[in-house]
């Protein structure tokens, strides 16, 4: 199973159904937000449980439990485009969270971001990652939105405006929104059950 999906989907609030990663030259926004709905503790649903819940503070500071017992901390950056919510990660963050020894950082162009689409349904977060095969498929114009960096790793070039247009016109296909359950599901840990 691809490490990029296995770990990154769980980051995004972890095992994915597809293998691969898609980075974007630019996020479609110039400023990120902090989604207060992500605050709390989260545990995976229907996948291997994390050693401890993921903790997200009201300031979007995330504490990610690592297998060696330590914790990695970073800030979740979110944005909304039309009615869809997204999280953005740098390749460096993704590498650290996925324990990839810098593989994504080495292959993804400097300054790029990895995006995840998410939806909150009650006490669950459903997450979708972009599918590189969809990104690499030619559009009606005969060109692909992305270029292949290596097997199962694609990079979408273009301005913020171009990324926004791509997400608006092909976002459902790119993030496999037809998979109603999402690629990964996380459930909020009730306060009384939190360690």
N, C-alpha and C. Protein backbone atom coordinates (compact mmCIF):
# COMPACT_ATOMS: atom_id res chain seq x y z
N UNK A 1 0.84 -1.17 0.00
CA UNK A 1 0.00 0.00 0.00
C UNK A 1 0.89 1.23 0.00
N UNK A 2 0.54 2.23 -0.80
CA UNK A 2 1.36 3.42 -0.97
C UNK A 2 1.41 4.24 0.31
N UNK A 3 2.59 4.58 0.76
CA UNK A 3 2.75 5.32 2.01
C UNK A 3 2.12 6.70 1.93
N UNK A 4 2.12 7.30 0.75
CA UNK A 4 1.55 8.64 0.62
C UNK A 4 0.09 8.63 1.00
N UNK A 5 -0.66 7.70 0.47
CA UNK A 5 -2.07 7.65 0.82
C UNK A 5 -2.29 7.11 2.22
N UNK A 6 -1.55 6.10 2.60
CA UNK A 6 -1.77 5.47 3.90
C UNK A 6 -1.69 6.50 5.01
N UNK A 7 -0.70 7.35 4.97
CA UNK A 7 -0.52 8.31 6.05
C UNK A 7 -1.19 9.64 5.79
N UNK A 8 -1.15 10.12 4.57
CA UNK A 8 -1.67 11.45 4.33
C UNK A 8 -3.17 11.53 4.52
N UNK A 9 -3.89 10.50 4.16
CA UNK A 9 -5.33 10.54 4.36
C UNK A 9 -5.66 10.65 5.83
N UNK A 10 -4.92 9.99 6.67
CA UNK A 10 -5.14 10.10 8.11
C UNK A 10 -4.76 11.47 8.61
N UNK A 11 -3.72 12.05 8.06
CA UNK A 11 -3.35 13.41 8.43
C UNK A 11 -4.54 14.31 8.20
N UNK A 12 -5.11 14.14 7.05
CA UNK A 12 -6.15 15.06 6.65
C UNK A 12 -7.40 14.85 7.45
N UNK A 13 -7.28 14.31 8.38
CA UNK A 13 -8.36 14.20 9.41
C UNK A 13 -9.53 13.48 9.01
N UNK A 14 -4.52 5.41 8.28
CA UNK A 14 -5.16 6.18 7.59
C UNK A 14 -5.04 5.53 6.38
N UNK A 15 -5.63 4.70 5.98
CA UNK A 15 -5.28 4.01 4.76
C UNK A 15 -6.19 4.43 3.63
N UNK A 16 -5.63 4.67 2.44
CA UNK A 16 -6.43 5.07 1.32
C UNK A 16 -6.76 3.89 0.43
N UNK A 17 -7.69 4.11 -0.49
CA UNK A 17 -8.08 3.05 -1.41
C UNK A 17 -7.29 3.09 -2.69
N UNK A 18 -6.65 4.22 -2.96
CA UNK A 18 -5.89 4.38 -4.18
C UNK A 18 -4.44 4.61 -3.82
N UNK A 19 -3.52 4.30 -4.72
CA UNK A 19 -2.12 4.54 -4.44
C UNK A 19 -1.62 5.73 -5.23
N UNK A 20 -0.92 6.65 -4.59
CA UNK A 20 -0.33 7.75 -5.30
C UNK A 20 -0.59 9.08 -4.65
N UNK A 21 0.09 10.10 -5.15
CA UNK A 21 -0.05 11.46 -4.62
C UNK A 21 -0.11 12.44 -5.77
N UNK A 22 -0.78 13.56 -5.52
CA UNK A 22 -0.83 14.66 -6.48
C UNK A 22 -0.43 15.92 -5.74
N UNK A 23 0.58 16.61 -6.24
CA UNK A 23 0.94 17.91 -5.70
C UNK A 23 0.49 18.98 -6.69
N UNK A 24 0.32 20.19 -6.19
CA UNK A 24 -0.13 21.32 -7.00
C UNK A 24 0.90 22.43 -6.88
N UNK A 25 1.17 23.09 -8.01
CA UNK A 25 2.13 24.20 -7.98
C UNK A 25 1.64 25.31 -7.03
N UNK A 26 0.34 25.55 -7.05
CA UNK A 26 -0.25 26.58 -6.19
C UNK A 26 -1.57 26.08 -5.63
N UNK A 27 -1.86 26.47 -4.40
CA UNK A 27 -3.21 26.29 -3.86
C UNK A 27 -4.09 27.33 -4.56
N UNK A 28 -5.39 27.11 -4.59
CA UNK A 28 -6.26 28.06 -5.29
C UNK A 28 -6.60 29.32 -4.48
N UNK A 29 -6.00 29.46 -3.32
CA UNK A 29 -6.27 30.63 -2.47
C UNK A 29 -4.93 31.25 -2.05
N UNK A 30 -4.98 32.52 -1.71
CA UNK A 30 -3.76 33.19 -1.26
C UNK A 30 -3.63 33.16 0.26
N UNK A 31 -4.72 32.85 0.95
CA UNK A 31 -4.71 32.83 2.40
C UNK A 31 -5.47 31.59 2.89
N UNK A 32 -4.91 30.94 3.91
CA UNK A 32 -5.55 29.77 4.50
C UNK A 32 -6.34 30.18 5.73
N UNK A 33 -7.28 29.31 6.11
CA UNK A 33 -8.10 29.50 7.29
C UNK A 33 -7.80 28.41 8.30
N UNK A 34 -8.43 28.54 9.45
CA UNK A 34 -8.42 27.50 10.48
C UNK A 34 -9.87 27.08 10.66
N UNK A 35 -10.20 25.86 10.30
CA UNK A 35 -11.58 25.37 10.40
C UNK A 35 -11.84 24.94 11.84
N UNK A 36 -12.66 25.69 12.60
CA UNK A 36 -12.91 25.34 14.00
C UNK A 36 -13.61 24.00 14.16
N UNK A 37 -14.27 23.53 13.11
CA UNK A 37 -14.97 22.24 13.19
C UNK A 37 -14.00 21.06 13.31
N UNK A 38 -12.72 21.27 13.01
CA UNK A 38 -11.73 20.19 13.13
C UNK A 38 -11.18 20.04 14.53
N UNK A 39 -11.45 21.01 15.40
CA UNK A 39 -10.91 20.95 16.77
C UNK A 39 -11.46 19.72 17.50
N UNK A 40 -10.59 19.04 18.21
CA UNK A 40 -10.98 17.87 18.98
C UNK A 40 -10.00 16.75 18.79
N UNK A 41 -10.41 15.55 19.19
CA UNK A 41 -9.58 14.36 19.03
C UNK A 41 -10.28 13.42 18.05
N UNK A 42 -9.46 12.79 17.20
CA UNK A 42 -9.99 11.96 16.11
C UNK A 42 -9.27 10.62 16.09
N UNK A 43 -10.02 9.57 15.72
CA UNK A 43 -9.46 8.23 15.57
C UNK A 43 -9.97 7.65 14.25
N UNK A 44 -9.18 6.82 13.64
CA UNK A 44 -9.56 6.23 12.36
C UNK A 44 -10.76 5.29 12.51
N UNK A 45 -11.52 5.15 11.43
CA UNK A 45 -12.67 4.25 11.37
C UNK A 45 -12.38 3.21 10.29
N UNK A 46 -12.58 1.96 10.59
CA UNK A 46 -12.43 0.85 9.63
C UNK A 46 -11.02 0.70 9.09
N UNK A 47 -10.02 1.22 9.77
CA UNK A 47 -8.63 0.99 9.39
C UNK A 47 -7.86 0.77 10.68
N UNK A 48 -6.58 0.49 10.54
CA UNK A 48 -5.75 0.27 11.73
C UNK A 48 -5.80 1.51 12.63
N UNK A 49 -6.09 1.29 13.90
CA UNK A 49 -6.18 2.40 14.85
C UNK A 49 -4.81 3.01 15.08
N UNK A 50 -4.80 4.31 15.27
CA UNK A 50 -3.57 5.01 15.60
C UNK A 50 -3.24 4.73 17.06
N UNK A 51 -1.95 4.83 17.44
CA UNK A 51 -1.57 4.53 18.83
C UNK A 51 -2.26 5.46 19.84
N UNK A 52 -2.54 6.68 19.42
CA UNK A 52 -3.28 7.66 20.22
C UNK A 52 -4.12 8.47 19.23
N UNK A 53 -5.16 9.12 19.72
CA UNK A 53 -5.95 9.94 18.78
C UNK A 53 -5.14 11.11 18.23
N UNK A 54 -5.53 11.57 17.06
CA UNK A 54 -5.02 12.81 16.50
C UNK A 54 -5.67 13.93 17.29
N UNK A 55 -4.89 14.90 17.72
CA UNK A 55 -5.43 16.03 18.49
C UNK A 55 -5.32 17.30 17.64
N UNK A 56 -6.44 18.02 17.53
CA UNK A 56 -6.44 19.29 16.80
C UNK A 56 -6.98 20.36 17.75
N UNK A 57 -6.16 21.38 18.00
CA UNK A 57 -6.56 22.47 18.88
C UNK A 57 -7.45 23.48 18.17
N UNK A 58 -8.04 24.36 18.94
CA UNK A 58 -8.89 25.42 18.38
C UNK A 58 -8.10 26.33 17.46
N UNK A 59 -6.77 26.37 17.62
CA UNK A 59 -5.90 27.17 16.76
C UNK A 59 -5.40 26.37 15.55
N UNK A 60 -5.97 25.18 15.34
CA UNK A 60 -5.61 24.27 14.24
C UNK A 60 -4.22 23.68 14.39
N UNK A 61 -3.66 23.73 15.57
CA UNK A 61 -2.40 23.05 15.84
C UNK A 61 -2.71 21.57 15.97
N UNK A 62 -2.09 20.74 15.14
CA UNK A 62 -2.35 19.30 15.14
C UNK A 62 -1.20 18.56 15.78
N UNK A 63 -1.53 17.62 16.64
CA UNK A 63 -0.55 16.72 17.25
C UNK A 63 -0.82 15.33 16.70
N UNK A 64 0.14 14.84 15.91
CA UNK A 64 0.01 13.58 15.19
C UNK A 64 0.84 12.51 15.89
N UNK A 65 0.22 11.42 16.37
CA UNK A 65 0.96 10.37 17.07
C UNK A 65 1.79 9.53 16.09
N UNK A 66 3.07 9.40 16.37
CA UNK A 66 3.95 8.58 15.54
C UNK A 66 4.12 7.21 16.18
N UNK A 67 4.46 6.23 15.36
CA UNK A 67 4.57 4.85 15.84
C UNK A 67 5.65 4.66 16.90
N UNK A 68 6.66 5.54 16.93
CA UNK A 68 7.73 5.39 17.93
C UNK A 68 7.35 5.99 19.28
N UNK A 69 6.10 6.45 19.41
CA UNK A 69 5.63 7.01 20.67
C UNK A 69 5.75 8.52 20.74
N UNK A 70 6.48 9.12 19.81
CA UNK A 70 6.61 10.58 19.80
C UNK A 70 5.41 11.21 19.10
N UNK A 71 5.42 12.51 19.04
CA UNK A 71 4.32 13.25 18.42
C UNK A 71 4.90 14.29 17.47
N UNK A 72 4.33 14.39 16.29
CA UNK A 72 4.71 15.43 15.35
C UNK A 72 3.65 16.52 15.41
N UNK A 73 4.07 17.77 15.48
CA UNK A 73 3.13 18.88 15.54
C UNK A 73 3.26 19.75 14.30
N UNK A 74 2.12 20.16 13.80
CA UNK A 74 2.06 21.07 12.67
C UNK A 74 0.73 21.81 12.74
N UNK A 75 0.55 22.77 11.87
CA UNK A 75 -0.71 23.52 11.82
C UNK A 75 -1.50 23.10 10.59
N UNK A 76 -2.76 22.76 10.80
CA UNK A 76 -3.64 22.42 9.68
C UNK A 76 -4.06 23.71 8.98
N UNK A 77 -3.86 23.76 7.68
CA UNK A 77 -4.25 24.90 6.88
C UNK A 77 -5.42 24.47 6.01
N UNK A 78 -6.53 25.17 6.14
CA UNK A 78 -7.71 24.80 5.38
C UNK A 78 -8.20 25.97 4.54
N UNK A 79 -9.06 25.65 3.59
CA UNK A 79 -9.74 26.67 2.81
C UNK A 79 -11.01 26.05 2.24
N UNK A 80 -11.92 26.92 1.86
CA UNK A 80 -13.17 26.48 1.23
C UNK A 80 -13.21 27.06 -0.17
N UNK A 81 -13.57 26.22 -1.12
CA UNK A 81 -13.74 26.65 -2.51
C UNK A 81 -15.12 26.19 -2.93
N UNK A 82 -15.98 27.14 -3.23
CA UNK A 82 -17.40 26.86 -3.45
C UNK A 82 -17.92 26.18 -2.18
N UNK A 83 -18.48 25.00 -2.27
CA UNK A 83 -19.00 24.32 -1.09
C UNK A 83 -18.08 23.22 -0.59
N UNK A 84 -16.85 23.16 -1.07
CA UNK A 84 -15.93 22.08 -0.71
C UNK A 84 -14.83 22.59 0.21
N UNK A 85 -14.50 21.76 1.20
CA UNK A 85 -13.43 22.08 2.16
C UNK A 85 -12.17 21.31 1.77
N UNK A 86 -11.02 21.99 1.93
CA UNK A 86 -9.74 21.39 1.61
C UNK A 86 -8.72 21.66 2.71
N UNK A 87 -7.74 20.78 2.79
CA UNK A 87 -6.55 20.98 3.62
C UNK A 87 -5.35 21.02 2.68
N UNK A 88 -4.34 21.81 3.07
CA UNK A 88 -3.12 21.92 2.26
C UNK A 88 -1.92 21.55 3.12
N UNK A 89 -1.02 20.73 2.55
CA UNK A 89 0.20 20.29 3.23
C UNK A 89 1.40 20.56 2.33
N UNK A 90 2.50 20.98 2.91
CA UNK A 90 3.74 21.10 2.15
C UNK A 90 4.30 19.69 1.96
N UNK A 91 5.15 19.49 0.95
CA UNK A 91 5.80 18.18 0.82
C UNK A 91 6.60 17.81 2.07
N UNK A 92 7.21 18.80 2.72
CA UNK A 92 7.98 18.53 3.93
C UNK A 92 7.09 18.00 5.04
N UNK A 93 5.91 18.63 5.21
CA UNK A 93 4.95 18.15 6.22
C UNK A 93 4.50 16.74 5.89
N UNK A 94 4.18 16.52 4.64
CA UNK A 94 3.71 15.20 4.23
C UNK A 94 4.79 14.15 4.48
N UNK A 95 6.03 14.46 4.14
CA UNK A 95 7.13 13.52 4.39
C UNK A 95 7.25 13.18 5.87
N UNK A 96 7.18 14.19 6.71
CA UNK A 96 7.34 13.97 8.15
C UNK A 96 6.18 13.13 8.70
N UNK A 97 4.98 13.48 8.28
CA UNK A 97 3.81 12.77 8.77
C UNK A 97 3.74 11.34 8.24
N UNK A 98 4.32 11.12 7.08
CA UNK A 98 4.26 9.80 6.46
C UNK A 98 5.52 8.99 6.71
N UNK A 99 6.50 9.58 7.36
CA UNK A 99 7.76 8.91 7.61
C UNK A 99 8.36 8.39 6.30
N UNK A 100 8.43 9.30 5.30
CA UNK A 100 8.91 8.94 3.97
C UNK A 100 10.36 9.31 3.71
N UNK A 101 11.08 9.73 4.72
CA UNK A 101 12.50 10.06 4.57
C UNK A 101 12.76 11.08 3.47
N UNK A 102 11.84 12.03 3.29
CA UNK A 102 12.06 13.10 2.32
C UNK A 102 11.72 12.74 0.89
N UNK A 103 11.10 11.59 0.65
CA UNK A 103 10.82 11.17 -0.72
C UNK A 103 9.94 12.16 -1.48
N UNK A 104 8.86 12.63 -0.86
CA UNK A 104 7.98 13.57 -1.56
C UNK A 104 8.67 14.91 -1.74
N UNK A 105 9.37 15.38 -0.72
CA UNK A 105 10.08 16.65 -0.80
C UNK A 105 11.11 16.62 -1.93
N UNK A 106 11.78 15.48 -2.12
CA UNK A 106 12.80 15.37 -3.16
C UNK A 106 12.18 15.37 -4.56
N UNK A 107 10.98 14.87 -4.70
CA UNK A 107 10.37 14.72 -6.03
C UNK A 107 9.42 15.86 -6.41
N UNK A 108 8.72 16.40 -5.43
CA UNK A 108 7.76 17.48 -5.72
C UNK A 108 8.51 18.80 -5.88
N UNK A 109 8.11 19.61 -6.84
CA UNK A 109 8.77 20.91 -7.02
C UNK A 109 8.67 21.77 -5.76
N UNK A 110 9.69 22.57 -5.52
CA UNK A 110 9.72 23.46 -4.36
C UNK A 110 8.49 24.36 -4.36
N UNK A 111 7.91 24.56 -3.19
CA UNK A 111 6.76 25.44 -3.05
C UNK A 111 5.42 24.81 -3.37
N UNK A 112 5.42 23.54 -3.79
CA UNK A 112 4.15 22.90 -4.14
C UNK A 112 3.39 22.49 -2.88
N UNK A 113 2.12 22.16 -3.08
CA UNK A 113 1.26 21.74 -1.97
C UNK A 113 0.54 20.46 -2.35
N UNK A 114 0.21 19.68 -1.34
CA UNK A 114 -0.61 18.50 -1.52
C UNK A 114 -1.96 18.83 -0.89
N UNK A 115 -3.03 18.67 -1.66
CA UNK A 115 -4.37 19.02 -1.21
C UNK A 115 -5.20 17.78 -0.90
N UNK A 116 -6.04 17.88 0.12
CA UNK A 116 -7.01 16.84 0.46
C UNK A 116 -8.37 17.50 0.60
N UNK A 117 -9.39 16.89 0.03
CA UNK A 117 -10.76 17.39 0.20
C UNK A 117 -11.37 16.66 1.38
N UNK A 118 -12.13 17.36 2.20
CA UNK A 118 -12.76 16.69 3.33
C UNK A 118 -14.17 17.22 3.55
N UNK A 119 -14.95 16.39 4.23
CA UNK A 119 -16.32 16.76 4.60
C UNK A 119 -16.57 16.28 6.02
N UNK A 120 -17.21 17.11 6.80
CA UNK A 120 -17.56 16.73 8.16
C UNK A 120 -19.04 16.37 8.17
N UNK A 121 -19.33 15.12 8.57
CA UNK A 121 -20.70 14.63 8.70
C UNK A 121 -20.93 14.24 10.14
N UNK A 122 -21.53 15.12 10.92
CA UNK A 122 -21.76 14.83 12.32
C UNK A 122 -20.45 14.71 13.06
N UNK A 123 -20.20 13.49 13.61
CA UNK A 123 -18.95 13.28 14.37
C UNK A 123 -17.89 12.56 13.54
N UNK A 124 -18.04 12.59 12.22
CA UNK A 124 -17.05 11.96 11.33
C UNK A 124 -16.48 12.96 10.34
N UNK A 125 -15.22 12.73 10.00
CA UNK A 125 -14.57 13.46 8.91
C UNK A 125 -14.31 12.45 7.81
N UNK A 126 -14.74 12.76 6.60
CA UNK A 126 -14.47 11.92 5.44
C UNK A 126 -13.46 12.67 4.57
N UNK A 127 -12.45 11.95 4.10
CA UNK A 127 -11.33 12.56 3.40
C UNK A 127 -11.13 11.92 2.02
N UNK A 128 -10.84 12.76 1.06
CA UNK A 128 -10.49 12.31 -0.28
C UNK A 128 -9.15 12.93 -0.68
N UNK A 129 -8.27 12.14 -1.26
CA UNK A 129 -7.02 12.65 -1.84
C UNK A 129 -7.16 12.63 -3.35
N UNK A 130 -6.46 13.51 -4.02
CA UNK A 130 -6.50 13.56 -5.48
C UNK A 130 -5.89 12.29 -6.05
N UNK A 131 -6.50 11.77 -7.08
CA UNK A 131 -6.04 10.56 -7.76
C UNK A 131 -5.11 10.94 -8.91
N UNK A 132 -3.86 10.49 -8.88
CA UNK A 132 -2.92 10.87 -9.94
C UNK A 132 -3.34 10.39 -11.32
N UNK A 133 -4.02 9.25 -11.41
CA UNK A 133 -4.44 8.76 -12.73
C UNK A 133 -5.48 9.68 -13.35
N UNK A 134 -6.37 10.23 -12.53
CA UNK A 134 -7.35 11.19 -13.04
C UNK A 134 -6.64 12.48 -13.45
N UNK A 135 -5.69 12.93 -12.63
CA UNK A 135 -4.94 14.15 -12.95
C UNK A 135 -4.14 14.00 -14.24
N UNK A 136 -3.67 12.79 -14.51
CA UNK A 136 -2.84 12.54 -15.69
C UNK A 136 -3.65 12.21 -16.95
N UNK A 137 -4.96 12.05 -16.81
CA UNK A 137 -5.81 11.72 -17.97
C UNK A 137 -6.06 12.97 -18.81
N UNK A 138 -6.01 12.84 -20.13
CA UNK A 138 -6.27 14.00 -20.99
C UNK A 138 -7.70 14.52 -20.80
N UNK A 139 -7.86 15.84 -20.86
CA UNK A 139 -9.18 16.46 -20.78
C UNK A 139 -9.78 16.51 -22.18
N UNK A 140 -10.95 17.13 -22.30
CA UNK A 140 -11.57 17.28 -23.62
C UNK A 140 -10.69 18.10 -24.55
N UNK A 141 -9.87 18.98 -23.97
CA UNK A 141 -8.96 19.77 -24.79
C UNK A 141 -7.77 18.95 -25.27
N UNK A 142 -7.65 17.71 -24.79
CA UNK A 142 -6.59 16.82 -25.24
C UNK A 142 -5.31 16.90 -24.43
N UNK A 143 -5.31 17.71 -23.38
CA UNK A 143 -4.12 17.81 -22.54
C UNK A 143 -4.46 17.35 -21.12
N UNK A 144 -3.46 16.90 -20.42
CA UNK A 144 -3.65 16.49 -19.04
C UNK A 144 -3.37 17.68 -18.13
N UNK A 145 -4.12 17.80 -17.01
CA UNK A 145 -3.85 18.89 -16.09
C UNK A 145 -2.50 18.73 -15.39
N UNK A 146 -1.97 17.50 -15.35
CA UNK A 146 -0.76 17.24 -14.57
C UNK A 146 0.31 16.58 -15.43
N UNK A 147 1.53 16.58 -14.88
CA UNK A 147 2.62 15.82 -15.49
C UNK A 147 3.09 14.79 -14.48
N UNK A 148 3.56 13.67 -14.98
CA UNK A 148 4.03 12.59 -14.12
C UNK A 148 5.43 12.91 -13.62
N UNK A 149 5.61 12.83 -12.30
CA UNK A 149 6.95 13.00 -11.73
C UNK A 149 7.64 11.65 -11.60
N UNK A 150 6.87 10.64 -11.27
CA UNK A 150 7.32 9.25 -11.24
C UNK A 150 6.07 8.40 -11.10
N UNK A 151 6.23 7.10 -11.04
CA UNK A 151 5.09 6.22 -10.93
C UNK A 151 4.20 6.63 -9.75
N UNK A 152 2.94 6.90 -10.03
CA UNK A 152 1.92 7.24 -9.04
C UNK A 152 2.16 8.56 -8.31
N UNK A 153 2.96 9.44 -8.91
CA UNK A 153 3.14 10.78 -8.38
C UNK A 153 2.98 11.76 -9.53
N UNK A 154 1.99 12.66 -9.39
CA UNK A 154 1.71 13.64 -10.44
C UNK A 154 1.81 15.04 -9.85
N UNK A 155 2.09 15.99 -10.73
CA UNK A 155 2.20 17.38 -10.31
C UNK A 155 1.38 18.25 -11.25
N UNK A 156 0.48 19.06 -10.68
CA UNK A 156 -0.37 19.96 -11.45
C UNK A 156 0.26 21.34 -11.44
N UNK A 157 0.61 21.83 -12.61
CA UNK A 157 1.20 23.15 -12.73
C UNK A 157 0.10 24.16 -13.04
N UNK A 158 0.36 25.40 -12.66
CA UNK A 158 -0.59 26.47 -12.98
C UNK A 158 -0.75 27.43 -11.82
N UNK A 159 -1.33 28.57 -12.14
CA UNK A 159 -1.54 29.63 -11.17
C UNK A 159 -2.64 29.27 -10.18
N UNK A 160 -2.84 30.12 -9.19
CA UNK A 160 -3.94 29.93 -8.24
C UNK A 160 -5.26 29.86 -9.00
N UNK A 161 -5.43 30.77 -9.94
CA UNK A 161 -6.67 30.82 -10.71
C UNK A 161 -6.87 29.52 -11.51
N UNK A 162 -5.80 29.01 -12.10
CA UNK A 162 -5.91 27.76 -12.87
C UNK A 162 -6.25 26.58 -11.95
N UNK A 163 -5.65 26.55 -10.76
CA UNK A 163 -5.95 25.48 -9.81
C UNK A 163 -7.40 25.58 -9.36
N UNK A 164 -7.87 26.80 -9.09
CA UNK A 164 -9.28 26.97 -8.69
C UNK A 164 -10.21 26.48 -9.79
N UNK A 165 -9.90 26.81 -11.04
CA UNK A 165 -10.74 26.37 -12.16
C UNK A 165 -10.73 24.85 -12.27
N UNK A 166 -9.56 24.25 -12.11
CA UNK A 166 -9.47 22.79 -12.17
C UNK A 166 -10.31 22.14 -11.07
N UNK A 167 -10.21 22.65 -9.85
CA UNK A 167 -10.98 22.07 -8.75
C UNK A 167 -12.47 22.27 -8.95
N UNK A 168 -12.86 23.39 -9.53
CA UNK A 168 -14.28 23.64 -9.77
C UNK A 168 -14.84 22.76 -10.88
N UNK A 169 -14.06 22.54 -11.93
CA UNK A 169 -14.58 21.80 -13.08
C UNK A 169 -14.33 20.30 -13.00
N UNK A 170 -13.23 19.88 -12.36
CA UNK A 170 -12.90 18.46 -12.31
C UNK A 170 -12.68 17.93 -10.91
N UNK A 171 -13.00 18.74 -9.91
CA UNK A 171 -12.73 18.36 -8.53
C UNK A 171 -13.41 17.08 -8.09
N UNK A 172 -14.68 16.89 -8.49
CA UNK A 172 -15.39 15.68 -8.07
C UNK A 172 -14.72 14.42 -8.63
N UNK A 173 -14.27 14.48 -9.88
CA UNK A 173 -13.57 13.33 -10.47
C UNK A 173 -12.19 13.18 -9.85
N UNK A 174 -11.49 14.27 -9.71
CA UNK A 174 -10.12 14.25 -9.20
C UNK A 174 -10.06 13.70 -7.78
N UNK A 175 -11.04 14.07 -6.97
CA UNK A 175 -11.06 13.61 -5.58
C UNK A 175 -12.02 12.45 -5.37
N UNK A 176 -12.47 11.83 -6.46
CA UNK A 176 -13.32 10.65 -6.38
C UNK A 176 -14.51 10.84 -5.46
N UNK A 177 -15.19 11.98 -5.63
CA UNK A 177 -16.33 12.29 -4.76
C UNK A 177 -17.46 11.27 -4.90
N UNK A 178 -17.42 10.46 -5.95
CA UNK A 178 -18.45 9.43 -6.11
C UNK A 178 -18.33 8.37 -5.02
N UNK A 179 -17.18 8.29 -4.38
CA UNK A 179 -17.01 7.36 -3.25
C UNK A 179 -17.59 8.05 -2.02
N UNK A 180 -18.87 7.82 -1.78
CA UNK A 180 -19.61 8.57 -0.76
C UNK A 180 -19.00 8.45 0.63
N UNK A 181 -18.36 7.34 0.92
CA UNK A 181 -17.78 7.15 2.25
C UNK A 181 -16.42 7.81 2.39
N UNK A 182 -15.90 8.34 1.32
CA UNK A 182 -14.58 8.94 1.37
C UNK A 182 -13.51 7.87 1.30
N UNK A 183 -12.29 8.28 1.13
CA UNK A 183 -11.18 7.35 1.09
C UNK A 183 -10.79 6.93 2.49
N UNK A 184 -11.00 7.83 3.43
CA UNK A 184 -10.68 7.58 4.83
C UNK A 184 -11.74 8.26 5.68
N UNK A 185 -12.06 7.61 6.78
CA UNK A 185 -13.00 8.21 7.72
C UNK A 185 -12.36 8.26 9.10
N UNK A 186 -12.57 9.38 9.76
CA UNK A 186 -12.12 9.55 11.14
C UNK A 186 -13.33 9.92 11.98
N UNK A 187 -13.36 9.40 13.17
CA UNK A 187 -14.48 9.66 14.07
C UNK A 187 -13.99 10.46 15.26
N UNK A 188 -14.80 11.45 15.66
CA UNK A 188 -14.46 12.28 16.80
C UNK A 188 -14.50 11.42 18.07
N UNK A 189 -13.47 11.54 18.88
CA UNK A 189 -13.42 10.83 20.15
C UNK A 189 -14.22 11.66 21.15
N UNK A 190 -15.26 11.06 21.78
CA UNK A 190 -16.03 11.83 22.76
C UNK A 190 -15.12 12.34 23.87
N UNK A 191 -15.40 13.53 24.36
CA UNK A 191 -14.56 14.17 25.38
C UNK A 191 -14.33 13.27 26.58
N UNK A 192 -15.38 12.60 27.06
CA UNK A 192 -15.22 11.74 28.25
C UNK A 192 -14.36 10.52 27.97
N UNK A 193 -14.22 10.12 26.68
CA UNK A 193 -13.41 8.96 26.33
C UNK A 193 -11.98 9.34 25.99
N UNK A 194 -11.72 10.63 25.82
CA UNK A 194 -10.38 11.07 25.45
C UNK A 194 -9.39 10.82 26.58
N UNK A 195 -8.16 10.36 26.25
CA UNK A 195 -7.16 10.09 27.29
C UNK A 195 -6.67 11.34 27.97
